[in-house]
Amino acid sequence: MPSEQVAQYKLVYLAKSDGKEEIVTKKKKKEQNAPTASQMDQTADPKGVTDFYRLVQIGDEKEVEWRRKLGGMLKRELGGPEHASKTHESTSMV
């Protein structure tokens, strides 16, 4: 059985998804490209539900999951039609 070759890659971490500090909304209003104070609020609502953004640390389970999903999406984009039906679950991380 031939050995499987694994592509070499370098991780790149960005602070902003598109590298911009400010964005312009559909209504032509400038906004900071960051979560709002209400989106960062960790206080539970009356039902006890907390819904907030948090910075995901490098190596966290959620960060690895996102890298896997984004890698699978990139693979499908670059790989063409023959990779279009493959999901991120079939993409192995080494």
N, C-alpha and C. Protein backbone atom coordinates (compact mmCIF):
# COMPACT_ATOMS: atom_id res chain seq x y z
N MET A 1 0.85 -1.18 0.00
CA MET A 1 0.00 0.00 0.00
C MET A 1 0.90 1.24 0.00
N PRO A 2 0.71 2.15 -0.96
CA PRO A 2 1.55 3.35 -1.03
C PRO A 2 1.25 4.30 0.13
N SER A 3 2.29 4.99 0.57
CA SER A 3 2.08 5.95 1.68
C SER A 3 1.39 7.19 1.15
N GLU A 4 0.52 7.74 1.96
CA GLU A 4 -0.24 8.94 1.58
C GLU A 4 0.62 10.17 1.82
N GLN A 5 0.70 11.04 0.83
CA GLN A 5 1.46 12.27 0.97
C GLN A 5 0.56 13.35 1.54
N VAL A 6 1.10 14.11 2.48
CA VAL A 6 0.34 15.17 3.12
C VAL A 6 0.93 16.51 2.70
N ALA A 7 0.08 17.41 2.28
CA ALA A 7 0.53 18.73 1.86
C ALA A 7 1.09 19.50 3.05
N GLN A 8 2.16 20.24 2.82
CA GLN A 8 2.73 21.09 3.84
C GLN A 8 1.98 22.42 3.84
N TYR A 9 1.76 23.00 4.99
CA TYR A 9 1.08 24.28 5.07
C TYR A 9 1.58 25.06 6.27
N LYS A 10 1.33 26.35 6.23
CA LYS A 10 1.72 27.23 7.33
C LYS A 10 0.46 27.92 7.83
N LEU A 11 0.22 27.87 9.13
CA LEU A 11 -0.95 28.52 9.71
C LEU A 11 -0.76 30.03 9.71
N VAL A 12 -1.78 30.75 9.34
CA VAL A 12 -1.77 32.21 9.38
C VAL A 12 -2.97 32.64 10.20
N TYR A 13 -2.74 33.42 11.25
CA TYR A 13 -3.82 33.88 12.10
C TYR A 13 -4.04 35.37 11.87
N LEU A 14 -5.29 35.74 11.60
CA LEU A 14 -5.65 37.13 11.36
C LEU A 14 -6.54 37.63 12.48
N ALA A 15 -6.40 38.90 12.81
CA ALA A 15 -7.24 39.48 13.85
C ALA A 15 -8.61 39.88 13.30
N LYS A 16 -8.68 40.22 12.06
CA LYS A 16 -9.93 40.61 11.40
C LYS A 16 -10.16 39.69 10.21
N SER A 17 -11.40 39.32 9.96
CA SER A 17 -11.69 38.39 8.88
C SER A 17 -11.31 38.94 7.52
N ASP A 18 -11.42 40.23 7.34
CA ASP A 18 -11.08 40.83 6.05
C ASP A 18 -9.96 41.86 6.18
N GLY A 19 -9.39 41.97 7.36
CA GLY A 19 -8.26 42.87 7.57
C GLY A 19 -8.61 44.34 7.69
N LYS A 20 -9.89 44.67 7.76
CA LYS A 20 -10.30 46.07 7.83
C LYS A 20 -10.75 46.43 9.24
N GLU A 21 -10.32 47.59 9.71
CA GLU A 21 -10.74 48.08 11.03
C GLU A 21 -12.15 48.64 10.99
N GLU A 22 -12.53 49.26 9.86
CA GLU A 22 -13.86 49.85 9.70
C GLU A 22 -14.52 49.27 8.47
N ILE A 23 -15.84 49.18 8.52
CA ILE A 23 -16.62 48.75 7.36
C ILE A 23 -17.69 49.79 7.08
N VAL A 24 -18.23 49.77 5.87
CA VAL A 24 -19.32 50.65 5.49
C VAL A 24 -20.56 49.78 5.30
N THR A 25 -21.64 50.12 6.01
CA THR A 25 -22.87 49.33 5.93
C THR A 25 -23.62 49.63 4.65
N LYS A 26 -24.70 48.89 4.42
CA LYS A 26 -25.55 49.13 3.24
C LYS A 26 -26.14 50.53 3.25
N LYS A 27 -26.31 51.09 4.44
CA LYS A 27 -26.86 52.45 4.56
C LYS A 27 -25.76 53.51 4.53
N LYS A 28 -24.55 53.10 4.06
CA LYS A 28 -23.40 54.00 3.91
C LYS A 28 -22.90 54.57 5.24
N LYS A 29 -23.14 53.86 6.33
CA LYS A 29 -22.69 54.28 7.65
C LYS A 29 -21.42 53.50 8.00
N LYS A 30 -20.41 54.21 8.54
CA LYS A 30 -19.17 53.55 8.95
C LYS A 30 -19.35 52.92 10.33
N GLU A 31 -18.84 51.69 10.48
CA GLU A 31 -18.89 50.97 11.75
C GLU A 31 -17.55 50.30 11.99
N GLN A 32 -17.23 50.08 13.26
CA GLN A 32 -16.05 49.31 13.61
C GLN A 32 -16.28 47.86 13.21
N ASN A 33 -15.26 47.22 12.69
CA ASN A 33 -15.34 45.81 12.30
C ASN A 33 -15.01 44.94 13.52
N ALA A 34 -15.93 44.94 14.46
CA ALA A 34 -15.76 44.21 15.72
C ALA A 34 -17.14 43.98 16.33
N PRO A 35 -17.24 43.01 17.22
CA PRO A 35 -18.53 42.80 17.90
C PRO A 35 -18.92 44.03 18.72
N THR A 36 -20.21 44.28 18.82
CA THR A 36 -20.71 45.39 19.64
C THR A 36 -20.66 45.01 21.11
N ALA A 37 -20.86 45.99 21.97
CA ALA A 37 -20.86 45.73 23.42
C ALA A 37 -21.95 44.72 23.79
N SER A 38 -23.12 44.83 23.15
CA SER A 38 -24.21 43.89 23.47
C SER A 38 -23.87 42.47 23.01
N GLN A 39 -23.11 42.34 21.92
CA GLN A 39 -22.72 41.01 21.46
C GLN A 39 -21.67 40.38 22.37
N MET A 40 -20.94 41.19 23.12
CA MET A 40 -19.91 40.69 24.03
C MET A 40 -20.44 40.47 25.46
N ASP A 41 -21.65 40.94 25.72
CA ASP A 41 -22.24 40.83 27.06
C ASP A 41 -22.53 39.37 27.40
N GLN A 42 -21.93 38.87 28.47
CA GLN A 42 -22.07 37.47 28.87
C GLN A 42 -23.17 37.26 29.89
N THR A 43 -23.97 38.28 30.18
CA THR A 43 -25.04 38.17 31.15
C THR A 43 -26.17 37.30 30.60
N ALA A 44 -26.69 36.41 31.44
CA ALA A 44 -27.79 35.53 31.04
C ALA A 44 -29.09 36.33 30.95
N ASP A 45 -29.95 35.93 30.00
CA ASP A 45 -31.27 36.55 29.89
C ASP A 45 -32.19 35.96 30.96
N PRO A 46 -33.44 36.41 31.08
CA PRO A 46 -34.35 35.90 32.12
C PRO A 46 -34.55 34.38 32.10
N LYS A 47 -34.35 33.76 30.92
CA LYS A 47 -34.49 32.30 30.82
C LYS A 47 -33.18 31.57 31.13
N GLY A 48 -32.12 32.34 31.44
CA GLY A 48 -30.84 31.73 31.77
C GLY A 48 -29.95 31.44 30.58
N VAL A 49 -30.33 31.94 29.40
CA VAL A 49 -29.57 31.68 28.18
C VAL A 49 -28.51 32.77 28.00
N THR A 50 -27.28 32.36 27.72
CA THR A 50 -26.23 33.32 27.39
C THR A 50 -25.88 33.16 25.92
N ASP A 51 -25.84 34.28 25.21
CA ASP A 51 -25.56 34.29 23.78
C ASP A 51 -24.59 35.44 23.53
N PHE A 52 -23.32 35.13 23.34
CA PHE A 52 -22.33 36.18 23.20
C PHE A 52 -21.15 35.71 22.35
N TYR A 53 -20.39 36.68 21.83
CA TYR A 53 -19.16 36.41 21.11
C TYR A 53 -18.02 36.35 22.12
N ARG A 54 -17.01 35.56 21.81
CA ARG A 54 -15.80 35.56 22.61
C ARG A 54 -14.63 35.28 21.68
N LEU A 55 -13.47 35.76 22.06
CA LEU A 55 -12.27 35.50 21.28
C LEU A 55 -11.90 34.03 21.46
N VAL A 56 -11.72 33.33 20.37
CA VAL A 56 -11.35 31.92 20.41
C VAL A 56 -9.83 31.85 20.43
N GLN A 57 -9.29 31.19 21.43
CA GLN A 57 -7.84 31.08 21.57
C GLN A 57 -7.28 30.04 20.61
N ILE A 58 -6.05 30.26 20.16
CA ILE A 58 -5.38 29.31 19.28
C ILE A 58 -5.24 27.98 20.00
N GLY A 59 -5.67 26.91 19.33
CA GLY A 59 -5.60 25.58 19.91
C GLY A 59 -6.87 25.13 20.59
N ASP A 60 -7.82 26.06 20.84
CA ASP A 60 -9.11 25.68 21.42
C ASP A 60 -9.82 24.71 20.47
N GLU A 61 -10.66 23.88 21.03
CA GLU A 61 -11.42 22.92 20.22
C GLU A 61 -12.22 23.63 19.12
N LYS A 62 -12.85 24.75 19.46
CA LYS A 62 -13.65 25.50 18.48
C LYS A 62 -12.77 26.08 17.37
N GLU A 63 -11.56 26.53 17.72
CA GLU A 63 -10.64 27.10 16.72
C GLU A 63 -10.21 26.02 15.73
N VAL A 64 -9.91 24.83 16.23
CA VAL A 64 -9.52 23.72 15.36
C VAL A 64 -10.68 23.34 14.46
N GLU A 65 -11.89 23.31 15.01
CA GLU A 65 -13.08 23.00 14.22
C GLU A 65 -13.27 24.00 13.09
N TRP A 66 -13.10 25.29 13.38
CA TRP A 66 -13.23 26.32 12.34
C TRP A 66 -12.16 26.20 11.28
N ARG A 67 -10.92 25.91 11.70
CA ARG A 67 -9.85 25.72 10.70
C ARG A 67 -10.18 24.56 9.78
N ARG A 68 -10.72 23.48 10.35
CA ARG A 68 -11.09 22.32 9.55
C ARG A 68 -12.19 22.68 8.55
N LYS A 69 -13.21 23.40 9.02
CA LYS A 69 -14.30 23.80 8.12
C LYS A 69 -13.80 24.71 7.01
N LEU A 70 -13.01 25.72 7.38
CA LEU A 70 -12.51 26.66 6.38
C LEU A 70 -11.56 25.98 5.41
N GLY A 71 -10.74 25.05 5.90
CA GLY A 71 -9.85 24.29 5.03
C GLY A 71 -10.62 23.45 4.03
N GLY A 72 -11.70 22.83 4.49
CA GLY A 72 -12.55 22.04 3.59
C GLY A 72 -13.22 22.90 2.54
N MET A 73 -13.66 24.10 2.94
CA MET A 73 -14.29 25.02 1.98
C MET A 73 -13.26 25.46 0.94
N LEU A 74 -12.05 25.77 1.38
CA LEU A 74 -11.00 26.17 0.45
C LEU A 74 -10.64 25.03 -0.49
N LYS A 75 -10.59 23.83 0.05
CA LYS A 75 -10.28 22.66 -0.77
C LYS A 75 -11.31 22.50 -1.89
N ARG A 76 -12.58 22.66 -1.55
CA ARG A 76 -13.63 22.55 -2.57
C ARG A 76 -13.52 23.66 -3.61
N GLU A 77 -13.20 24.89 -3.16
CA GLU A 77 -13.06 26.02 -4.09
C GLU A 77 -11.90 25.81 -5.04
N LEU A 78 -10.76 25.39 -4.51
CA LEU A 78 -9.57 25.22 -5.34
C LEU A 78 -9.56 23.91 -6.10
N GLY A 79 -10.26 22.90 -5.56
CA GLY A 79 -10.22 21.57 -6.15
C GLY A 79 -11.14 21.39 -7.32
N GLY A 80 -12.06 22.30 -7.53
CA GLY A 80 -12.96 22.20 -8.66
C GLY A 80 -14.13 21.27 -8.40
N PRO A 81 -14.86 20.92 -9.46
CA PRO A 81 -16.08 20.14 -9.35
C PRO A 81 -15.90 18.77 -8.70
N GLU A 82 -14.75 18.13 -8.89
CA GLU A 82 -14.57 16.78 -8.33
C GLU A 82 -14.53 16.78 -6.80
N HIS A 83 -14.30 17.94 -6.17
CA HIS A 83 -14.27 18.04 -4.71
C HIS A 83 -15.51 18.74 -4.16
N ALA A 84 -16.40 19.18 -5.01
CA ALA A 84 -17.54 20.01 -4.61
C ALA A 84 -18.47 19.31 -3.62
N SER A 85 -18.62 17.99 -3.71
CA SER A 85 -19.57 17.30 -2.83
C SER A 85 -18.93 16.81 -1.54
N LYS A 86 -17.64 16.99 -1.36
CA LYS A 86 -16.97 16.50 -0.15
C LYS A 86 -17.16 17.50 0.99
N THR A 87 -17.37 16.97 2.18
CA THR A 87 -17.60 17.82 3.34
C THR A 87 -16.32 17.99 4.14
N HIS A 88 -16.34 18.95 5.09
CA HIS A 88 -15.16 19.19 5.91
C HIS A 88 -14.83 18.01 6.81
N GLU A 89 -15.79 17.14 7.09
CA GLU A 89 -15.54 15.98 7.93
C GLU A 89 -14.57 15.02 7.27
N SER A 90 -14.54 15.02 5.93
CA SER A 90 -13.62 14.11 5.24
C SER A 90 -12.23 14.69 5.12
N THR A 91 -12.02 15.93 5.56
CA THR A 91 -10.72 16.57 5.51
C THR A 91 -9.97 16.27 6.80
N SER A 92 -8.86 15.59 6.70
CA SER A 92 -8.12 15.25 7.92
C SER A 92 -7.11 16.34 8.26
N MET A 93 -6.94 16.57 9.55
CA MET A 93 -5.96 17.55 10.03
C MET A 93 -4.76 16.78 10.56
N VAL A 94 -3.58 17.21 10.18
CA VAL A 94 -2.35 16.55 10.65
C VAL A 94 -1.56 17.53 11.46
